[in-house]
Amino acid sequence: MPASAAQPAAPLPPPTPQNRLLALLGRAGLLDWFLPALAGVVALAYLVPEVGSKTSPLPWKVFTTGGVMLVFFFYGLRLSLAKLRDGTRNWRLHLVVQLTTFVLFPLLALAARPLFGSEQGRLLWQSIFFLCTLPSTVSTSVVMVSMARGNVPAAIFNASISSLAGIVLTPLWVRAVLHTGSDSDLSGLALSLAWQVVLPVAAGMLLNGRFGTWAEANKSRLRILDQVIILSIVYTSFCESFAEGIFRSFAPTTVAGLAVGMVGLYFLVFGLVAGLSRLLGFSAADRTVAIFCGSKKSLVHGSVMASLLFPAAAATGALLLPLMLYHALQIVLASVMAQRFGRQAAADSAPAPG
């Protein structure tokens, strides 16, 4: 054999389940610095709560308020009125997704209310109910539907409509059930929502025709802005909660039980929507949209809404705890399920042998 002949490559070892999961999350664009950073800012808030609390000399409120406005402006910049208008045709699918997000989730939380009897349990239930009133995510929902070979345009439409509807429906649910504030505060809440959320979104949508292409081309960079603002809101919220001693009565077993409950909530909604979609005769692509868009909850909206709906509450960090757990778990669980759906869709569309 000539010396220059290539030697046969040694066979690669079979991938472990852990490596497969890491590769899957990497493909989805979800394996990045954000989840470790989220845990990091909570740890930092525990160590030095005075830096981010209300007594801090740093202008956290100015930074987070301006950041929220920028996040929603760039979100509006990527919203095309033409695409939203074209997406209204598949109304049965859209109705299922929105009713799941804004009706099924809150009703499940209300049904679980008797299970939380103590004072600590009451705070946990309030935080879970707040989670259940939130809209769906945009980027994660669309990524998962794409991985699962679903109807991506319908996913974009539903995630966008959910985010817009959440501006109104989340505060309505919270005010009606949790009775936050008084009736005299409604005008202040409406004003805060208007200038921090509604007006930036509207301004962005008006400029979509001119700058929408640029925003879409730079969506990964704009996503970093989203994440930085979320981290700052989470940090200041937990600083205030730690400074007031809100978490002193939360045992590690309580947090672990909450995480298990979030997994159960995710799979319960996942199964109910899958069954309803089959009952309604949805195609596989539309069923994928209903399942993945309907089961998500937005950490962006949750962080913003917590600061707006509970402005004087030292327990805002505790209110965000279930949402943070659900956010992390939905990324991992949905990634695994989306990969499974994608393999099944590929197998179903493959030509028959022979």
Protein backbone atom coordinates (compact mmCIF):
# COMPACT_ATOMS: atom_id res chain seq x y z
CA MET A 1 0.00 0.00 0.00
CA PRO A 2 1.44 3.46 -0.89
CA ALA A 3 2.54 5.55 2.06
CA SER A 4 0.31 8.38 0.92
CA ALA A 5 -2.84 6.26 0.98
CA ALA A 6 -5.43 7.52 3.39
CA GLN A 7 -5.99 5.37 6.43
CA PRO A 8 -9.60 4.44 7.20
CA ALA A 9 -11.08 6.72 9.85
CA ALA A 10 -11.73 5.20 13.22
CA PRO A 11 -15.44 4.83 13.94
CA LEU A 12 -16.86 7.57 16.15
CA PRO A 13 -18.30 6.55 19.51
CA PRO A 14 -22.09 6.58 19.64
CA PRO A 15 -23.47 9.87 21.00
CA THR A 16 -24.67 9.82 24.58
CA PRO A 17 -28.17 11.09 25.48
CA GLN A 18 -26.53 14.16 27.08
CA ASN A 19 -24.60 14.98 23.90
CA ARG A 20 -27.69 14.50 21.77
CA LEU A 21 -29.62 16.93 23.98
CA LEU A 22 -26.83 19.52 23.81
CA ALA A 23 -26.69 19.20 20.02
CA LEU A 24 -30.46 19.56 19.84
CA LEU A 25 -30.50 22.71 21.97
CA GLY A 26 -27.64 24.10 19.91
CA ARG A 27 -29.55 23.53 16.67
CA ALA A 28 -32.52 25.39 18.14
CA GLY A 29 -30.32 28.33 19.00
CA LEU A 30 -31.34 27.96 22.64
CA LEU A 31 -28.09 26.74 24.15
CA ASP A 32 -26.45 30.06 24.98
CA TRP A 33 -25.38 32.19 27.89
CA PHE A 34 -28.88 33.27 28.96
CA LEU A 35 -30.01 30.43 31.22
CA PRO A 36 -26.76 30.37 33.22
CA ALA A 37 -26.90 34.17 33.39
CA LEU A 38 -30.45 33.98 34.73
CA ALA A 39 -29.26 31.76 37.57
CA GLY A 40 -26.26 34.05 38.02
CA VAL A 41 -28.24 37.24 38.56
CA VAL A 42 -30.44 35.48 41.12
CA ALA A 43 -27.30 34.36 42.98
CA LEU A 44 -25.88 37.89 42.75
CA ALA A 45 -29.13 39.31 44.12
CA TYR A 46 -28.87 36.91 47.04
CA LEU A 47 -25.28 37.93 47.79
CA VAL A 48 -25.65 41.72 47.40
CA PRO A 49 -29.38 42.60 47.44
CA GLU A 50 -28.71 46.21 48.41
CA VAL A 51 -27.12 46.96 45.01
CA GLY A 52 -30.36 46.36 43.12
CA SER A 53 -32.98 47.22 45.74
CA LYS A 54 -34.94 50.46 46.00
CA THR A 55 -32.29 51.90 48.34
CA SER A 56 -29.59 51.59 45.66
CA PRO A 57 -28.19 54.88 44.28
CA LEU A 58 -28.05 53.32 40.81
CA PRO A 59 -30.89 54.40 38.45
CA TRP A 60 -32.25 50.89 37.85
CA LYS A 61 -35.80 52.14 37.21
CA VAL A 62 -34.66 54.46 34.42
CA PHE A 63 -32.60 51.70 32.81
CA THR A 64 -35.30 49.02 32.95
CA THR A 65 -38.08 51.39 31.83
CA GLY A 66 -36.10 52.64 28.84
CA GLY A 67 -35.02 49.10 28.03
CA VAL A 68 -38.59 47.80 28.07
CA MET A 69 -39.63 50.53 25.66
CA LEU A 70 -36.78 49.63 23.30
CA VAL A 71 -37.60 45.91 23.46
CA PHE A 72 -41.22 46.48 22.48
CA PHE A 73 -40.30 49.05 19.83
CA PHE A 74 -38.02 46.54 18.08
CA TYR A 75 -40.67 43.86 18.52
CA GLY A 76 -43.18 46.11 16.71
CA LEU A 77 -40.58 46.86 14.05
CA ARG A 78 -40.59 43.17 13.08
CA LEU A 79 -44.39 42.95 12.93
CA SER A 80 -45.80 43.23 9.42
CA LEU A 81 -49.43 44.32 9.17
CA ALA A 82 -49.71 42.51 5.84
CA LYS A 83 -48.55 39.19 7.33
CA LEU A 84 -50.91 39.57 10.29
CA ARG A 85 -53.79 40.31 7.93
CA ASP A 86 -53.00 37.31 5.74
CA GLY A 87 -52.79 35.05 8.77
CA THR A 88 -56.43 35.50 9.81
CA ARG A 89 -57.70 32.87 7.39
CA ASN A 90 -56.98 29.81 9.54
CA TRP A 91 -59.30 31.06 12.28
CA ARG A 92 -60.03 27.70 13.98
CA LEU A 93 -56.33 27.09 14.63
CA HIS A 94 -55.83 30.64 15.92
CA LEU A 95 -58.85 30.34 18.20
CA VAL A 96 -57.51 27.13 19.76
CA VAL A 97 -54.08 28.66 20.41
CA GLN A 98 -55.41 31.89 21.92
CA LEU A 99 -58.05 30.15 24.06
CA THR A 100 -55.38 27.77 25.33
CA THR A 101 -53.08 30.65 26.22
CA PHE A 102 -55.61 33.00 27.83
CA VAL A 103 -58.45 30.71 29.00
CA LEU A 104 -57.27 27.12 29.53
CA PHE A 105 -54.11 28.06 31.45
CA PRO A 106 -55.88 30.44 33.89
CA LEU A 107 -58.73 27.96 34.43
CA LEU A 108 -56.24 25.22 35.30
CA ALA A 109 -54.63 27.56 37.83
CA LEU A 110 -58.03 28.40 39.33
CA ALA A 111 -58.87 24.70 39.59
CA ALA A 112 -55.63 24.12 41.54
CA ARG A 113 -56.29 26.95 44.00
CA PRO A 114 -57.67 24.72 46.83
CA LEU A 115 -54.30 22.88 46.92
CA PHE A 116 -52.54 26.02 48.22
CA GLY A 117 -53.97 26.67 51.68
CA SER A 118 -51.15 28.21 53.74
CA GLU A 119 -49.86 31.78 53.54
CA GLN A 120 -46.77 30.61 51.68
CA GLY A 121 -49.00 28.47 49.47
CA ARG A 122 -51.17 31.48 48.69
CA LEU A 123 -48.13 33.43 47.42
CA LEU A 124 -47.03 30.46 45.32
CA TRP A 125 -50.49 30.10 43.83
CA GLN A 126 -50.61 33.80 42.96
CA SER A 127 -47.29 33.49 41.15
CA ILE A 128 -48.52 30.40 39.27
CA PHE A 129 -51.76 32.14 38.31
CA PHE A 130 -49.75 35.14 37.07
CA LEU A 131 -47.68 32.77 34.93
CA CYS A 132 -50.84 31.22 33.50
CA THR A 133 -52.23 34.59 32.36
CA LEU A 134 -49.18 35.49 30.28
CA PRO A 135 -49.01 35.38 26.46
CA SER A 136 -47.00 32.90 24.44
CA THR A 137 -43.42 33.48 23.37
CA VAL A 138 -42.57 34.65 19.86
CA SER A 139 -39.08 33.44 18.98
CA THR A 140 -39.14 30.15 20.91
CA SER A 141 -42.56 29.14 19.58
CA VAL A 142 -41.55 29.78 15.96
CA VAL A 143 -38.21 27.96 16.38
CA MET A 144 -39.92 24.90 17.87
CA VAL A 145 -42.62 24.78 15.17
CA SER A 146 -39.91 25.04 12.50
CA MET A 147 -37.92 22.19 14.08
CA ALA A 148 -41.09 20.08 14.24
CA ARG A 149 -41.85 20.81 10.54
CA GLY A 150 -45.09 22.59 11.36
CA ASN A 151 -46.90 25.55 9.78
CA VAL A 152 -44.34 28.31 10.42
CA PRO A 153 -46.41 31.26 9.03
CA ALA A 154 -49.30 30.27 11.32
CA ALA A 155 -46.85 30.06 14.24
CA ILE A 156 -45.57 33.58 13.55
CA PHE A 157 -49.13 34.89 13.36
CA ASN A 158 -50.27 33.23 16.58
CA ALA A 159 -47.20 34.18 18.58
CA SER A 160 -47.50 37.78 17.42
CA ILE A 161 -51.23 38.02 18.14
CA SER A 162 -50.71 36.40 21.54
CA SER A 163 -48.09 38.99 22.49
CA LEU A 164 -50.36 41.86 21.48
CA ALA A 165 -53.42 40.37 23.21
CA GLY A 166 -51.43 39.81 26.39
CA ILE A 167 -50.98 43.56 26.80
CA VAL A 168 -54.71 43.71 27.57
CA LEU A 169 -55.72 40.24 28.76
CA THR A 170 -52.96 39.62 31.31
CA PRO A 171 -53.76 42.77 33.35
CA LEU A 172 -57.49 42.00 33.14
CA TRP A 173 -57.03 38.48 34.55
CA VAL A 174 -54.65 39.66 37.28
CA ARG A 175 -56.88 42.54 38.37
CA ALA A 176 -60.02 40.40 38.32
CA VAL A 177 -58.63 37.44 40.31
CA LEU A 178 -55.73 38.74 42.39
CA HIS A 179 -57.34 42.16 43.06
CA THR A 180 -54.04 44.01 42.79
CA GLY A 181 -54.34 47.67 43.74
CA SER A 182 -57.59 49.62 43.78
CA ASP A 183 -59.89 50.93 41.10
CA SER A 184 -58.17 54.31 41.35
CA ASP A 185 -54.94 52.65 40.16
CA LEU A 186 -56.47 51.50 36.87
CA SER A 187 -55.78 54.79 35.11
CA GLY A 188 -52.14 54.70 36.26
CA LEU A 189 -51.74 51.10 35.04
CA ALA A 190 -53.34 51.94 31.69
CA LEU A 191 -51.01 54.91 31.30
CA SER A 192 -47.94 52.80 32.16
CA LEU A 193 -48.96 50.10 29.68
CA ALA A 194 -49.65 52.72 27.03
CA TRP A 195 -46.31 54.53 27.09
CA GLN A 196 -44.07 51.59 27.99
CA VAL A 197 -45.62 48.89 25.79
CA VAL A 198 -48.45 49.92 23.46
CA LEU A 199 -46.94 53.10 22.01
CA PRO A 200 -43.50 51.54 21.33
CA VAL A 201 -45.14 48.55 19.60
CA ALA A 202 -47.37 50.86 17.53
CA ALA A 203 -44.41 53.07 16.58
CA GLY A 204 -42.41 50.02 15.54
CA MET A 205 -45.25 48.64 13.42
CA LEU A 206 -45.63 51.99 11.65
CA LEU A 207 -41.94 51.88 10.73
CA ASN A 208 -42.00 48.22 9.69
CA GLY A 209 -42.16 49.02 5.98
CA ARG A 210 -38.99 51.10 6.20
CA PHE A 211 -36.87 49.28 8.78
CA GLY A 212 -38.55 45.85 9.09
CA THR A 213 -36.02 44.14 6.83
CA TRP A 214 -33.14 45.54 8.89
CA ALA A 215 -34.79 44.39 12.13
CA GLU A 216 -35.34 40.90 10.76
CA ALA A 217 -31.73 40.68 9.56
CA ASN A 218 -30.48 41.73 13.02
CA LYS A 219 -32.95 39.73 15.12
CA SER A 220 -30.17 37.77 16.87
CA ARG A 221 -28.57 41.01 18.07
CA LEU A 222 -31.92 42.42 19.12
CA ARG A 223 -32.56 39.21 21.06
CA ILE A 224 -29.49 40.00 23.16
CA LEU A 225 -31.10 43.32 24.09
CA ASP A 226 -34.24 41.43 25.19
CA GLN A 227 -32.15 39.15 27.35
CA VAL A 228 -30.15 41.95 28.99
CA ILE A 229 -33.33 43.84 29.92
CA ILE A 230 -34.92 40.66 31.31
CA LEU A 231 -31.82 39.98 33.39
CA SER A 232 -31.90 43.50 34.83
CA ILE A 233 -35.60 43.21 35.74
CA VAL A 234 -35.09 39.77 37.30
CA TYR A 235 -32.05 41.03 39.22
CA THR A 236 -33.78 44.08 40.71
CA SER A 237 -36.93 42.06 41.50
CA PHE A 238 -34.96 39.41 43.37
CA CYS A 239 -32.83 42.03 45.12
CA GLU A 240 -35.98 43.58 46.56
CA SER A 241 -37.39 40.18 47.53
CA PHE A 242 -34.17 39.08 49.22
CA ALA A 243 -33.84 42.44 50.98
CA GLU A 244 -37.34 42.01 52.43
CA GLY A 245 -36.74 38.35 53.38
CA ILE A 246 -39.49 36.98 51.13
CA PHE A 247 -37.67 33.69 50.40
CA ARG A 248 -36.73 32.79 53.98
CA SER A 249 -39.67 30.40 54.32
CA PHE A 250 -39.08 28.70 50.94
CA ALA A 251 -37.35 25.36 51.56
CA PRO A 252 -35.37 23.68 48.73
CA THR A 253 -38.02 20.95 48.69
CA THR A 254 -40.66 23.60 47.99
CA VAL A 255 -38.72 24.91 44.98
CA ALA A 256 -38.14 21.33 43.75
CA GLY A 257 -41.85 20.59 44.12
CA LEU A 258 -42.66 23.77 42.20
CA ALA A 259 -40.37 22.64 39.36
CA VAL A 260 -42.13 19.27 39.24
CA GLY A 261 -45.46 21.08 39.15
CA MET A 262 -44.29 23.22 36.21
CA VAL A 263 -43.34 20.06 34.30
CA GLY A 264 -46.77 18.60 35.06
CA LEU A 265 -48.50 21.81 33.90
CA TYR A 266 -46.54 21.78 30.65
CA PHE A 267 -47.39 18.18 29.79
CA LEU A 268 -51.02 18.58 30.85
CA VAL A 269 -51.54 21.49 28.46
CA PHE A 270 -49.47 19.72 25.79
CA GLY A 271 -51.71 16.64 26.00
CA LEU A 272 -55.01 18.54 26.15
CA VAL A 273 -54.17 20.65 23.10
CA ALA A 274 -52.92 17.62 21.16
CA GLY A 275 -56.17 15.78 21.88
CA LEU A 276 -58.34 18.77 20.96
CA SER A 277 -56.41 19.32 17.72
CA ARG A 278 -56.97 15.72 16.68
CA LEU A 279 -60.65 15.98 17.59
CA LEU A 280 -61.01 19.07 15.38
CA GLY A 281 -59.28 17.31 12.48
CA PHE A 282 -56.27 19.63 12.22
CA SER A 283 -53.52 18.68 9.82
CA ALA A 284 -50.24 17.54 11.34
CA ALA A 285 -48.62 20.91 10.53
CA ASP A 286 -51.44 22.88 12.19
CA ARG A 287 -51.55 20.49 15.15
CA THR A 288 -47.88 21.24 15.71
CA VAL A 289 -48.62 24.99 15.82
CA ALA A 290 -51.44 24.53 18.32
CA ILE A 291 -49.31 22.38 20.62
CA PHE A 292 -46.09 24.39 20.61
CA CYS A 293 -47.56 27.90 20.52
CA GLY A 294 -50.27 27.08 23.04
CA SER A 295 -47.93 25.58 25.64
CA LYS A 296 -45.42 28.46 25.85
CA LYS A 297 -45.26 31.39 28.28
CA SER A 298 -43.24 34.56 27.71
CA LEU A 299 -40.54 35.58 30.19
CA VAL A 300 -40.26 38.96 28.42
CA HIS A 301 -43.90 39.86 29.06
CA GLY A 302 -43.84 38.28 32.52
CA SER A 303 -40.88 40.38 33.65
CA VAL A 304 -42.42 43.58 32.33
CA MET A 305 -45.94 42.87 33.57
CA ALA A 306 -44.72 41.94 37.05
CA SER A 307 -43.08 45.33 37.45
CA LEU A 308 -46.17 47.12 36.13
CA LEU A 309 -48.90 45.12 37.90
CA PHE A 310 -47.08 44.76 41.22
CA PRO A 311 -45.01 47.98 41.42
CA ALA A 312 -44.94 48.17 45.22
CA ALA A 313 -44.61 44.45 45.96
CA ALA A 314 -41.35 43.26 47.50
CA ALA A 315 -42.50 39.76 46.49
CA THR A 316 -42.06 40.42 42.76
CA GLY A 317 -39.06 38.07 42.73
CA ALA A 318 -41.21 35.31 44.19
CA LEU A 319 -43.85 36.05 41.57
CA LEU A 320 -41.25 35.46 38.86
CA LEU A 321 -39.93 32.18 40.32
CA PRO A 322 -42.48 29.81 38.66
CA LEU A 323 -42.12 31.71 35.39
CA MET A 324 -38.34 31.32 35.42
CA LEU A 325 -38.65 27.60 36.14
CA TYR A 326 -41.30 27.18 33.45
CA HIS A 327 -39.19 29.16 30.97
CA ALA A 328 -36.14 26.94 31.44
CA LEU A 329 -38.14 23.71 31.45
CA GLN A 330 -40.23 24.60 28.38
CA ILE A 331 -37.04 25.18 26.37
CA VAL A 332 -35.62 21.76 27.22
CA LEU A 333 -38.89 19.80 27.02
CA ALA A 334 -40.15 21.50 23.87
CA SER A 335 -36.79 21.02 22.13
CA VAL A 336 -36.92 17.27 22.72
CA MET A 337 -40.57 17.05 21.62
CA ALA A 338 -39.99 19.24 18.54
CA GLN A 339 -37.16 16.96 17.41
CA ARG A 340 -39.42 13.95 17.83
CA PHE A 341 -42.24 15.63 15.87
CA GLY A 342 -39.78 16.59 13.13
CA ARG A 343 -38.55 13.00 12.72
CA GLN A 344 -42.13 11.77 12.53
CA ALA A 345 -43.07 14.41 9.94
CA ALA A 346 -40.02 13.47 7.84
CA ALA A 347 -40.92 9.79 8.01
CA ASP A 348 -44.56 10.48 7.05
CA SER A 349 -43.51 12.59 4.03
CA ALA A 350 -40.90 10.12 2.77
CA PRO A 351 -41.86 8.28 -0.44
CA ALA A 352 -42.93 4.68 0.01
CA PRO A 353 -40.23 2.13 -0.95
CA GLY A 354 -40.54 0.17 -4.16
